[in-house]
Amino acid sequence: WNKLSPYKATTFIASVPAIADMLSITEFKDSNAGQSFHGTGKMITPF
């Protein structure tokens, strides 16, 4: 995210294994993030 500056990181395009890793990251595991993913299938990213 920092390397992309001064452009905005609007989109991540990720492989299936990379997405599985992202879903296991602690910062993605708060209750709001979990509810959003299970309810809509959309991940919440820190950015």
ModelCIF file with pLDDT and N, C-alpha, C, O atoms, coordinates in Angstrom:
data_MODEL
#
_entry.id   MODEL 
#
_entity.id                         1 
_entity.type                       polymer 
_entity.pdbx_number_of_molecules   1 
#
_entity_poly.entity_id                      1 
_entity_poly.type                           'polypeptide(L)' 
_entity_poly.nstd_linkage                   no 
_entity_poly.nstd_monomer                   no 
_entity_poly.pdbx_seq_one_letter_code       WNKLSPYKATTFIASVPAIADMLSITEFKDSNAGQSFHGTGKMITPF 
_entity_poly.pdbx_seq_one_letter_code_can   WNKLSPYKATTFIASVPAIADMLSITEFKDSNAGQSFHGTGKMITPF 
_entity_poly.pdbx_strand_id                 A 
#
loop_
_entity_poly_seq.entity_id 
_entity_poly_seq.num 
_entity_poly_seq.mon_id 
_entity_poly_seq.hetero 
1 1  TRP n 
1 2  ASN n 
1 3  LYS n 
1 4  LEU n 
1 5  SER n 
1 6  PRO n 
1 7  TYR n 
1 8  LYS n 
1 9  ALA n 
1 10 THR n 
1 11 THR n 
1 12 PHE n 
1 13 ILE n 
1 14 ALA n 
1 15 SER n 
1 16 VAL n 
1 17 PRO n 
1 18 ALA n 
1 19 ILE n 
1 20 ALA n 
1 21 ASP n 
1 22 MET n 
1 23 LEU n 
1 24 SER n 
1 25 ILE n 
1 26 THR n 
1 27 GLU n 
1 28 PHE n 
1 29 LYS n 
1 30 ASP n 
1 31 SER n 
1 32 ASN n 
1 33 ALA n 
1 34 GLY n 
1 35 GLN n 
1 36 SER n 
1 37 PHE n 
1 38 HIS n 
1 39 GLY n 
1 40 THR n 
1 41 GLY n 
1 42 LYS n 
1 43 MET n 
1 44 ILE n 
1 45 THR n 
1 46 PRO n 
1 47 PHE n 
#
_struct_asym.id          A 
_struct_asym.entity_id   1 
#
loop_
_ma_qa_metric.id 
_ma_qa_metric.mode 
_ma_qa_metric.name 
_ma_qa_metric.software_group_id 
_ma_qa_metric.type 
1 global pLDDT . pLDDT 
2 local  pLDDT . pLDDT 
#
_ma_qa_metric_global.metric_id      1 
_ma_qa_metric_global.metric_value   75.49 
_ma_qa_metric_global.model_id       1 
_ma_qa_metric_global.ordinal_id     1 
#
loop_
_ma_qa_metric_local.label_asym_id 
_ma_qa_metric_local.label_comp_id 
_ma_qa_metric_local.label_seq_id 
_ma_qa_metric_local.metric_id 
_ma_qa_metric_local.metric_value 
_ma_qa_metric_local.model_id 
_ma_qa_metric_local.ordinal_id 
A TRP 1  2 89.00 1 1  
A ASN 2  2 90.00 1 2  
A LYS 3  2 90.00 1 3  
A LEU 4  2 91.00 1 4  
A SER 5  2 87.00 1 5  
A PRO 6  2 86.00 1 6  
A TYR 7  2 90.00 1 7  
A LYS 8  2 91.00 1 8  
A ALA 9  2 91.00 1 9  
A THR 10 2 93.00 1 10 
A THR 11 2 93.00 1 11 
A PHE 12 2 93.00 1 12 
A ILE 13 2 93.00 1 13 
A ALA 14 2 91.00 1 14 
A SER 15 2 88.00 1 15 
A VAL 16 2 88.00 1 16 
A PRO 17 2 88.00 1 17 
A ALA 18 2 89.00 1 18 
A ILE 19 2 87.00 1 19 
A ALA 20 2 86.00 1 20 
A ASP 21 2 87.00 1 21 
A MET 22 2 85.00 1 22 
A LEU 23 2 82.00 1 23 
A SER 24 2 84.00 1 24 
A ILE 25 2 83.00 1 25 
A THR 26 2 80.00 1 26 
A GLU 27 2 73.00 1 27 
A PHE 28 2 69.00 1 28 
A LYS 29 2 66.00 1 29 
A ASP 30 2 61.00 1 30 
A SER 31 2 53.00 1 31 
A ASN 32 2 57.00 1 32 
A ALA 33 2 54.00 1 33 
A GLY 34 2 52.00 1 34 
A GLN 35 2 57.00 1 35 
A SER 36 2 59.00 1 36 
A PHE 37 2 52.00 1 37 
A HIS 38 2 55.00 1 38 
A GLY 39 2 60.00 1 39 
A THR 40 2 61.00 1 40 
A GLY 41 2 55.00 1 41 
A LYS 42 2 60.00 1 42 
A MET 43 2 55.00 1 43 
A ILE 44 2 59.00 1 44 
A THR 45 2 61.00 1 45 
A PRO 46 2 59.00 1 46 
A PHE 47 2 75.00 1 47 
#
loop_
_atom_site.group_PDB 
_atom_site.id 
_atom_site.type_symbol 
_atom_site.label_atom_id 
_atom_site.label_alt_id 
_atom_site.label_comp_id 
_atom_site.label_asym_id 
_atom_site.label_entity_id 
_atom_site.label_seq_id 
_atom_site.pdbx_PDB_ins_code 
_atom_site.Cartn_x 
_atom_site.Cartn_y 
_atom_site.Cartn_z 
_atom_site.occupancy 
_atom_site.B_iso_or_equiv 
_atom_site.pdbx_formal_charge 
_atom_site.auth_seq_id 
_atom_site.auth_comp_id 
_atom_site.auth_asym_id 
_atom_site.auth_atom_id 
_atom_site.pdbx_PDB_model_num 
ATOM 1   N N  . TRP A 1 1  ? 0.833   -1.205  0.000  1.00 89.00 ? 1  TRP A N  1 
ATOM 2   C CA . TRP A 1 1  ? 0.000   0.000   0.000  1.00 89.00 ? 1  TRP A CA 1 
ATOM 3   C C  . TRP A 1 1  ? 0.868   1.255   0.000  1.00 89.00 ? 1  TRP A C  1 
ATOM 4   O O  . TRP A 1 1  ? 0.575   2.217   -0.710 1.00 89.00 ? 1  TRP A O  1 
ATOM 5   N N  . ASN A 1 2  ? 1.912   1.243   0.781  1.00 90.00 ? 2  ASN A N  1 
ATOM 6   C CA . ASN A 1 2  ? 2.794   2.400   0.895  1.00 90.00 ? 2  ASN A CA 1 
ATOM 7   C C  . ASN A 1 2  ? 3.585   2.634   -0.393 1.00 90.00 ? 2  ASN A C  1 
ATOM 8   O O  . ASN A 1 2  ? 3.828   3.778   -0.778 1.00 90.00 ? 2  ASN A O  1 
ATOM 9   N N  . LYS A 1 3  ? 3.984   1.549   -1.056 1.00 90.00 ? 3  LYS A N  1 
ATOM 10  C CA . LYS A 1 3  ? 4.758   1.652   -2.290 1.00 90.00 ? 3  LYS A CA 1 
ATOM 11  C C  . LYS A 1 3  ? 3.960   2.320   -3.413 1.00 90.00 ? 3  LYS A C  1 
ATOM 12  O O  . LYS A 1 3  ? 4.535   2.936   -4.311 1.00 90.00 ? 3  LYS A O  1 
ATOM 13  N N  . LEU A 1 4  ? 2.649   2.195   -3.354 1.00 91.00 ? 4  LEU A N  1 
ATOM 14  C CA . LEU A 1 4  ? 1.810   2.730   -4.429 1.00 91.00 ? 4  LEU A CA 1 
ATOM 15  C C  . LEU A 1 4  ? 1.680   4.250   -4.365 1.00 91.00 ? 4  LEU A C  1 
ATOM 16  O O  . LEU A 1 4  ? 1.323   4.881   -5.360 1.00 91.00 ? 4  LEU A O  1 
ATOM 17  N N  . SER A 1 5  ? 1.962   4.832   -3.227 1.00 87.00 ? 5  SER A N  1 
ATOM 18  C CA . SER A 1 5  ? 1.850   6.282   -3.066 1.00 87.00 ? 5  SER A CA 1 
ATOM 19  C C  . SER A 1 5  ? 2.686   7.000   -4.138 1.00 87.00 ? 5  SER A C  1 
ATOM 20  O O  . SER A 1 5  ? 3.788   6.548   -4.449 1.00 87.00 ? 5  SER A O  1 
ATOM 21  N N  . PRO A 1 6  ? 2.186   8.111   -4.709 1.00 86.00 ? 6  PRO A N  1 
ATOM 22  C CA . PRO A 1 6  ? 1.035   8.911   -4.280 1.00 86.00 ? 6  PRO A CA 1 
ATOM 23  C C  . PRO A 1 6  ? -0.306  8.468   -4.869 1.00 86.00 ? 6  PRO A C  1 
ATOM 24  O O  . PRO A 1 6  ? -1.324  9.130   -4.666 1.00 86.00 ? 6  PRO A O  1 
ATOM 25  N N  . TYR A 1 7  ? -0.305  7.350   -5.599 1.00 90.00 ? 7  TYR A N  1 
ATOM 26  C CA . TYR A 1 7  ? -1.572  6.827   -6.102 1.00 90.00 ? 7  TYR A CA 1 
ATOM 27  C C  . TYR A 1 7  ? -2.332  6.149   -4.968 1.00 90.00 ? 7  TYR A C  1 
ATOM 28  O O  . TYR A 1 7  ? -1.748  5.776   -3.951 1.00 90.00 ? 7  TYR A O  1 
ATOM 29  N N  . LYS A 1 8  ? -3.631  5.994   -5.155 1.00 91.00 ? 8  LYS A N  1 
ATOM 30  C CA . LYS A 1 8  ? -4.470  5.349   -4.151 1.00 91.00 ? 8  LYS A CA 1 
ATOM 31  C C  . LYS A 1 8  ? -4.592  3.856   -4.451 1.00 91.00 ? 8  LYS A C  1 
ATOM 32  O O  . LYS A 1 8  ? -4.748  3.460   -5.606 1.00 91.00 ? 8  LYS A O  1 
ATOM 33  N N  . ALA A 1 9  ? -4.521  3.051   -3.431 1.00 91.00 ? 9  ALA A N  1 
ATOM 34  C CA . ALA A 1 9  ? -4.731  1.612   -3.585 1.00 91.00 ? 9  ALA A CA 1 
ATOM 35  C C  . ALA A 1 9  ? -6.236  1.341   -3.563 1.00 91.00 ? 9  ALA A C  1 
ATOM 36  O O  . ALA A 1 9  ? -6.796  0.984   -2.527 1.00 91.00 ? 9  ALA A O  1 
ATOM 37  N N  . THR A 1 10 ? -6.873  1.514   -4.701 1.00 93.00 ? 10 THR A N  1 
ATOM 38  C CA . THR A 1 10 ? -8.327  1.328   -4.769 1.00 93.00 ? 10 THR A CA 1 
ATOM 39  C C  . THR A 1 10 ? -8.721  -0.130  -4.901 1.00 93.00 ? 10 THR A C  1 
ATOM 40  O O  . THR A 1 10 ? -9.818  -0.522  -4.504 1.00 93.00 ? 10 THR A O  1 
ATOM 41  N N  . THR A 1 11 ? -7.806  -0.951  -5.471 1.00 93.00 ? 11 THR A N  1 
ATOM 42  C CA . THR A 1 11 ? -8.166  -2.321  -5.808 1.00 93.00 ? 11 THR A CA 1 
ATOM 43  C C  . THR A 1 11 ? -6.992  -3.265  -5.586 1.00 93.00 ? 11 THR A C  1 
ATOM 44  O O  . THR A 1 11 ? -5.858  -2.965  -5.959 1.00 93.00 ? 11 THR A O  1 
ATOM 45  N N  . PHE A 1 12 ? -7.283  -4.418  -4.968 1.00 93.00 ? 12 PHE A N  1 
ATOM 46  C CA . PHE A 1 12 ? -6.332  -5.518  -4.884 1.00 93.00 ? 12 PHE A CA 1 
ATOM 47  C C  . PHE A 1 12 ? -6.849  -6.645  -5.773 1.00 93.00 ? 12 PHE A C  1 
ATOM 48  O O  . PHE A 1 12 ? -8.009  -7.043  -5.663 1.00 93.00 ? 12 PHE A O  1 
ATOM 49  N N  . ILE A 1 13 ? -6.000  -7.154  -6.645 1.00 93.00 ? 13 ILE A N  1 
ATOM 50  C CA . ILE A 1 13 ? -6.330  -8.340  -7.440 1.00 93.00 ? 13 ILE A CA 1 
ATOM 51  C C  . ILE A 1 13 ? -5.469  -9.463  -6.903 1.00 93.00 ? 13 ILE A C  1 
ATOM 52  O O  . ILE A 1 13 ? -4.243  -9.398  -6.986 1.00 93.00 ? 13 ILE A O  1 
ATOM 53  N N  . ALA A 1 14 ? -6.091  -10.491 -6.354 1.00 91.00 ? 14 ALA A N  1 
ATOM 54  C CA . ALA A 1 14 ? -5.335  -11.508 -5.624 1.00 91.00 ? 14 ALA A CA 1 
ATOM 55  C C  . ALA A 1 14 ? -5.676  -12.912 -6.104 1.00 91.00 ? 14 ALA A C  1 
ATOM 56  O O  . ALA A 1 14 ? -6.799  -13.186 -6.526 1.00 91.00 ? 14 ALA A O  1 
ATOM 57  N N  . SER A 1 15 ? -4.679  -13.800 -6.031 1.00 88.00 ? 15 SER A N  1 
ATOM 58  C CA . SER A 1 15 ? -4.894  -15.211 -6.316 1.00 88.00 ? 15 SER A CA 1 
ATOM 59  C C  . SER A 1 15 ? -5.679  -15.846 -5.170 1.00 88.00 ? 15 SER A C  1 
ATOM 60  O O  . SER A 1 15 ? -5.781  -15.277 -4.083 1.00 88.00 ? 15 SER A O  1 
ATOM 61  N N  . VAL A 1 16 ? -6.223  -17.016 -5.425 1.00 88.00 ? 16 VAL A N  1 
ATOM 62  C CA . VAL A 1 16 ? -7.012  -17.707 -4.401 1.00 88.00 ? 16 VAL A CA 1 
ATOM 63  C C  . VAL A 1 16 ? -6.195  -17.991 -3.139 1.00 88.00 ? 16 VAL A C  1 
ATOM 64  O O  . VAL A 1 16 ? -6.682  -17.737 -2.038 1.00 88.00 ? 16 VAL A O  1 
ATOM 65  N N  . PRO A 1 17 ? -4.961  -18.512 -3.262 1.00 88.00 ? 17 PRO A N  1 
ATOM 66  C CA . PRO A 1 17 ? -4.165  -18.732 -2.040 1.00 88.00 ? 17 PRO A CA 1 
ATOM 67  C C  . PRO A 1 17 ? -3.875  -17.432 -1.295 1.00 88.00 ? 17 PRO A C  1 
ATOM 68  O O  . PRO A 1 17 ? -3.853  -17.416 -0.064 1.00 88.00 ? 17 PRO A O  1 
ATOM 69  N N  . ALA A 1 18 ? -3.653  -16.344 -2.029 1.00 89.00 ? 18 ALA A N  1 
ATOM 70  C CA . ALA A 1 18 ? -3.366  -15.065 -1.379 1.00 89.00 ? 18 ALA A CA 1 
ATOM 71  C C  . ALA A 1 18 ? -4.584  -14.562 -0.610 1.00 89.00 ? 18 ALA A C  1 
ATOM 72  O O  . ALA A 1 18 ? -4.447  -14.007 0.480  1.00 89.00 ? 18 ALA A O  1 
ATOM 73  N N  . ILE A 1 19 ? -5.765  -14.752 -1.171 1.00 87.00 ? 19 ILE A N  1 
ATOM 74  C CA . ILE A 1 19 ? -6.984  -14.337 -0.477 1.00 87.00 ? 19 ILE A CA 1 
ATOM 75  C C  . ILE A 1 19 ? -7.185  -15.178 0.787  1.00 87.00 ? 19 ILE A C  1 
ATOM 76  O O  . ILE A 1 19 ? -7.617  -14.664 1.818  1.00 87.00 ? 19 ILE A O  1 
ATOM 77  N N  . ALA A 1 20 ? -6.871  -16.467 0.697  1.00 86.00 ? 20 ALA A N  1 
ATOM 78  C CA . ALA A 1 20 ? -6.978  -17.337 1.881  1.00 86.00 ? 20 ALA A CA 1 
ATOM 79  C C  . ALA A 1 20 ? -6.042  -16.839 2.981  1.00 86.00 ? 20 ALA A C  1 
ATOM 80  O O  . ALA A 1 20 ? -6.404  -16.846 4.158  1.00 86.00 ? 20 ALA A O  1 
ATOM 81  N N  . ASP A 1 21 ? -4.850  -16.411 2.602  1.00 87.00 ? 21 ASP A N  1 
ATOM 82  C CA . ASP A 1 21 ? -3.912  -15.852 3.580  1.00 87.00 ? 21 ASP A CA 1 
ATOM 83  C C  . ASP A 1 21 ? -4.478  -14.581 4.205  1.00 87.00 ? 21 ASP A C  1 
ATOM 84  O O  . ASP A 1 21 ? -4.392  -14.380 5.416  1.00 87.00 ? 21 ASP A O  1 
ATOM 85  N N  . MET A 1 22 ? -5.058  -13.725 3.362  1.00 85.00 ? 22 MET A N  1 
ATOM 86  C CA . MET A 1 22 ? -5.583  -12.453 3.855  1.00 85.00 ? 22 MET A CA 1 
ATOM 87  C C  . MET A 1 22 ? -6.716  -12.669 4.854  1.00 85.00 ? 22 MET A C  1 
ATOM 88  O O  . MET A 1 22 ? -6.842  -11.935 5.835  1.00 85.00 ? 22 MET A O  1 
ATOM 89  N N  . LEU A 1 23 ? -7.531  -13.676 4.595  1.00 82.00 ? 23 LEU A N  1 
ATOM 90  C CA . LEU A 1 23 ? -8.640  -13.962 5.502  1.00 82.00 ? 23 LEU A CA 1 
ATOM 91  C C  . LEU A 1 23 ? -8.161  -14.500 6.852  1.00 82.00 ? 23 LEU A C  1 
ATOM 92  O O  . LEU A 1 23 ? -8.903  -14.492 7.834  1.00 82.00 ? 23 LEU A O  1 
ATOM 93  N N  . SER A 1 24 ? -6.922  -14.963 6.885  1.00 84.00 ? 24 SER A N  1 
ATOM 94  C CA . SER A 1 24 ? -6.364  -15.503 8.130  1.00 84.00 ? 24 SER A CA 1 
ATOM 95  C C  . SER A 1 24 ? -5.598  -14.461 8.935  1.00 84.00 ? 24 SER A C  1 
ATOM 96  O O  . SER A 1 24 ? -5.173  -14.723 10.060 1.00 84.00 ? 24 SER A O  1 
ATOM 97  N N  . ILE A 1 25 ? -5.423  -13.269 8.345  1.00 83.00 ? 25 ILE A N  1 
ATOM 98  C CA . ILE A 1 25 ? -4.681  -12.216 9.039  1.00 83.00 ? 25 ILE A CA 1 
ATOM 99  C C  . ILE A 1 25 ? -5.509  -11.691 10.205 1.00 83.00 ? 25 ILE A C  1 
ATOM 100 O O  . ILE A 1 25 ? -6.708  -11.450 10.066 1.00 83.00 ? 25 ILE A O  1 
ATOM 101 N N  . THR A 1 26 ? -4.873  -11.519 11.335 1.00 80.00 ? 26 THR A N  1 
ATOM 102 C CA . THR A 1 26 ? -5.572  -11.096 12.559 1.00 80.00 ? 26 THR A CA 1 
ATOM 103 C C  . THR A 1 26 ? -6.355  -9.820  12.347 1.00 80.00 ? 26 THR A C  1 
ATOM 104 O O  . THR A 1 26 ? -7.472  -9.689  12.847 1.00 80.00 ? 26 THR A O  1 
ATOM 105 N N  . GLU A 1 27 ? -5.790  -8.878  11.615 1.00 73.00 ? 27 GLU A N  1 
ATOM 106 C CA . GLU A 1 27 ? -6.450  -7.580  11.396 1.00 73.00 ? 27 GLU A CA 1 
ATOM 107 C C  . GLU A 1 27 ? -7.742  -7.713  10.608 1.00 73.00 ? 27 GLU A C  1 
ATOM 108 O O  . GLU A 1 27 ? -8.551  -6.785  10.587 1.00 73.00 ? 27 GLU A O  1 
ATOM 109 N N  . PHE A 1 28 ? -7.949  -8.853  9.960  1.00 69.00 ? 28 PHE A N  1 
ATOM 110 C CA . PHE A 1 28 ? -9.186  -9.084  9.221  1.00 69.00 ? 28 PHE A CA 1 
ATOM 111 C C  . PHE A 1 28 ? -10.214 -9.864  10.038 1.00 69.00 ? 28 PHE A C  1 
ATOM 112 O O  . PHE A 1 28 ? -11.313 -10.141 9.559  1.00 69.00 ? 28 PHE A O  1 
ATOM 113 N N  . LYS A 1 29 ? -9.861  -10.208 11.246 1.00 66.00 ? 29 LYS A N  1 
ATOM 114 C CA . LYS A 1 29 ? -10.699 -11.120 12.019 1.00 66.00 ? 29 LYS A CA 1 
ATOM 115 C C  . LYS A 1 29 ? -11.541 -10.434 13.090 1.00 66.00 ? 29 LYS A C  1 
ATOM 116 O O  . LYS A 1 29 ? -12.114 -11.122 13.935 1.00 66.00 ? 29 LYS A O  1 
ATOM 117 N N  . ASP A 1 30 ? -11.639 -9.111  13.087 1.00 61.00 ? 30 ASP A N  1 
ATOM 118 C CA . ASP A 1 30 ? -12.504 -8.473  14.076 1.00 61.00 ? 30 ASP A CA 1 
ATOM 119 C C  . ASP A 1 30 ? -13.953 -8.805  13.752 1.00 61.00 ? 30 ASP A C  1 
ATOM 120 O O  . ASP A 1 30 ? -14.254 -9.250  12.644 1.00 61.00 ? 30 ASP A O  1 
ATOM 121 N N  . SER A 1 31 ? -14.841 -8.597  14.697 1.00 53.00 ? 31 SER A N  1 
ATOM 122 C CA . SER A 1 31 ? -16.231 -9.048  14.549 1.00 53.00 ? 31 SER A CA 1 
ATOM 123 C C  . SER A 1 31 ? -16.939 -8.385  13.374 1.00 53.00 ? 31 SER A C  1 
ATOM 124 O O  . SER A 1 31 ? -17.702 -9.043  12.666 1.00 53.00 ? 31 SER A O  1 
ATOM 125 N N  . ASN A 1 32 ? -16.700 -7.094  13.154 1.00 57.00 ? 32 ASN A N  1 
ATOM 126 C CA . ASN A 1 32 ? -17.367 -6.396  12.051 1.00 57.00 ? 32 ASN A CA 1 
ATOM 127 C C  . ASN A 1 32 ? -16.932 -6.953  10.707 1.00 57.00 ? 32 ASN A C  1 
ATOM 128 O O  . ASN A 1 32 ? -17.752 -7.149  9.811  1.00 57.00 ? 32 ASN A O  1 
ATOM 129 N N  . ALA A 1 33 ? -15.609 -7.211  10.569 1.00 54.00 ? 33 ALA A N  1 
ATOM 130 C CA . ALA A 1 33 ? -15.102 -7.776  9.320  1.00 54.00 ? 33 ALA A CA 1 
ATOM 131 C C  . ALA A 1 33 ? -15.708 -9.145  9.056  1.00 54.00 ? 33 ALA A C  1 
ATOM 132 O O  . ALA A 1 33 ? -16.095 -9.454  7.929  1.00 54.00 ? 33 ALA A O  1 
ATOM 133 N N  . GLY A 1 34 ? -15.789 -9.970  10.107 1.00 52.00 ? 34 GLY A N  1 
ATOM 134 C CA . GLY A 1 34 ? -16.349 -11.307 9.952  1.00 52.00 ? 34 GLY A CA 1 
ATOM 135 C C  . GLY A 1 34 ? -17.808 -11.278 9.549  1.00 52.00 ? 34 GLY A C  1 
ATOM 136 O O  . GLY A 1 34 ? -18.229 -12.045 8.684  1.00 52.00 ? 34 GLY A O  1 
ATOM 137 N N  . GLN A 1 35 ? -18.582 -10.404 10.164 1.00 57.00 ? 35 GLN A N  1 
ATOM 138 C CA . GLN A 1 35 ? -19.999 -10.302 9.829  1.00 57.00 ? 35 GLN A CA 1 
ATOM 139 C C  . GLN A 1 35 ? -20.192 -9.845  8.392  1.00 57.00 ? 35 GLN A C  1 
ATOM 140 O O  . GLN A 1 35 ? -21.071 -10.344 7.688  1.00 57.00 ? 35 GLN A O  1 
ATOM 141 N N  . SER A 1 36 ? -19.372 -8.897  7.958  1.00 59.00 ? 36 SER A N  1 
ATOM 142 C CA . SER A 1 36 ? -19.491 -8.407  6.590  1.00 59.00 ? 36 SER A CA 1 
ATOM 143 C C  . SER A 1 36 ? -19.151 -9.503  5.586  1.00 59.00 ? 36 SER A C  1 
ATOM 144 O O  . SER A 1 36 ? -19.860 -9.670  4.593  1.00 59.00 ? 36 SER A O  1 
ATOM 145 N N  . PHE A 1 37 ? -18.075 -10.253 5.830  1.00 52.00 ? 37 PHE A N  1 
ATOM 146 C CA . PHE A 1 37 ? -17.672 -11.294 4.881  1.00 52.00 ? 37 PHE A CA 1 
ATOM 147 C C  . PHE A 1 37 ? -18.706 -12.409 4.807  1.00 52.00 ? 37 PHE A C  1 
ATOM 148 O O  . PHE A 1 37 ? -19.056 -12.861 3.717  1.00 52.00 ? 37 PHE A O  1 
ATOM 149 N N  . HIS A 1 38 ? -19.197 -12.855 5.961  1.00 55.00 ? 38 HIS A N  1 
ATOM 150 C CA . HIS A 1 38 ? -20.178 -13.946 5.966  1.00 55.00 ? 38 HIS A CA 1 
ATOM 151 C C  . HIS A 1 38 ? -21.533 -13.499 5.430  1.00 55.00 ? 38 HIS A C  1 
ATOM 152 O O  . HIS A 1 38 ? -22.284 -14.302 4.877  1.00 55.00 ? 38 HIS A O  1 
ATOM 153 N N  . GLY A 1 39 ? -21.843 -12.209 5.597  1.00 60.00 ? 39 GLY A N  1 
ATOM 154 C CA . GLY A 1 39 ? -23.143 -11.716 5.140  1.00 60.00 ? 39 GLY A CA 1 
ATOM 155 C C  . GLY A 1 39 ? -23.176 -11.320 3.680  1.00 60.00 ? 39 GLY A C  1 
ATOM 156 O O  . GLY A 1 39 ? -24.191 -11.502 3.007  1.00 60.00 ? 39 GLY A O  1 
ATOM 157 N N  . THR A 1 40 ? -22.056 -10.770 3.176  1.00 61.00 ? 40 THR A N  1 
ATOM 158 C CA . THR A 1 40 ? -22.044 -10.252 1.805  1.00 61.00 ? 40 THR A CA 1 
ATOM 159 C C  . THR A 1 40 ? -21.009 -10.915 0.924  1.00 61.00 ? 40 THR A C  1 
ATOM 160 O O  . THR A 1 40 ? -21.067 -10.778 -0.298 1.00 61.00 ? 40 THR A O  1 
ATOM 161 N N  . GLY A 1 41 ? -20.061 -11.633 1.513  1.00 55.00 ? 41 GLY A N  1 
ATOM 162 C CA . GLY A 1 41 ? -18.984 -12.224 0.730  1.00 55.00 ? 41 GLY A CA 1 
ATOM 163 C C  . GLY A 1 41 ? -17.894 -11.232 0.381  1.00 55.00 ? 41 GLY A C  1 
ATOM 164 O O  . GLY A 1 41 ? -16.972 -11.563 -0.365 1.00 55.00 ? 41 GLY A O  1 
ATOM 165 N N  . LYS A 1 42 ? -17.984 -10.015 0.910  1.00 60.00 ? 42 LYS A N  1 
ATOM 166 C CA . LYS A 1 42 ? -16.995 -8.978  0.628  1.00 60.00 ? 42 LYS A CA 1 
ATOM 167 C C  . LYS A 1 42 ? -16.042 -8.839  1.811  1.00 60.00 ? 42 LYS A C  1 
ATOM 168 O O  . LYS A 1 42 ? -16.458 -8.749  2.966  1.00 60.00 ? 42 LYS A O  1 
ATOM 169 N N  . MET A 1 43 ? -14.746 -8.823  1.483  1.00 55.00 ? 43 MET A N  1 
ATOM 170 C CA . MET A 1 43 ? -13.748 -8.659  2.517  1.00 55.00 ? 43 MET A CA 1 
ATOM 171 C C  . MET A 1 43 ? -13.618 -7.194  2.908  1.00 55.00 ? 43 MET A C  1 
ATOM 172 O O  . MET A 1 43 ? -13.898 -6.297  2.112  1.00 55.00 ? 43 MET A O  1 
ATOM 173 N N  . ILE A 1 44 ? -13.195 -6.968  4.131  1.00 59.00 ? 44 ILE A N  1 
ATOM 174 C CA . ILE A 1 44 ? -12.833 -5.629  4.577  1.00 59.00 ? 44 ILE A CA 1 
ATOM 175 C C  . ILE A 1 44 ? -11.320 -5.561  4.662  1.00 59.00 ? 44 ILE A C  1 
ATOM 176 O O  . ILE A 1 44 ? -10.703 -6.392  5.328  1.00 59.00 ? 44 ILE A O  1 
ATOM 177 N N  . THR A 1 45 ? -10.717 -4.596  4.009  1.00 61.00 ? 45 THR A N  1 
ATOM 178 C CA . THR A 1 45 ? -9.271  -4.441  4.078  1.00 61.00 ? 45 THR A CA 1 
ATOM 179 C C  . THR A 1 45 ? -8.952  -3.225  4.927  1.00 61.00 ? 45 THR A C  1 
ATOM 180 O O  . THR A 1 45 ? -9.793  -2.339  5.078  1.00 61.00 ? 45 THR A O  1 
ATOM 181 N N  . PRO A 1 46 ? -7.758  -3.171  5.481  1.00 59.00 ? 46 PRO A N  1 
ATOM 182 C CA . PRO A 1 46 ? -7.391  -2.026  6.301  1.00 59.00 ? 46 PRO A CA 1 
ATOM 183 C C  . PRO A 1 46 ? -7.276  -0.729  5.507  1.00 59.00 ? 46 PRO A C  1 
ATOM 184 O O  . PRO A 1 46 ? -7.196  0.359   6.078  1.00 59.00 ? 46 PRO A O  1 
ATOM 185 N N  . PHE A 1 47 ? -7.269  -0.862  4.166  1.00 75.00 ? 47 PHE A N  1 
ATOM 186 C CA . PHE A 1 47 ? -7.056  0.310   3.328  1.00 75.00 ? 47 PHE A CA 1 
ATOM 187 C C  . PHE A 1 47 ? -8.310  0.731   2.575  1.00 75.00 ? 47 PHE A C  1 
ATOM 188 O O  . PHE A 1 47 ? -8.282  1.707   1.826  1.00 75.00 ? 47 PHE A O  1 
#
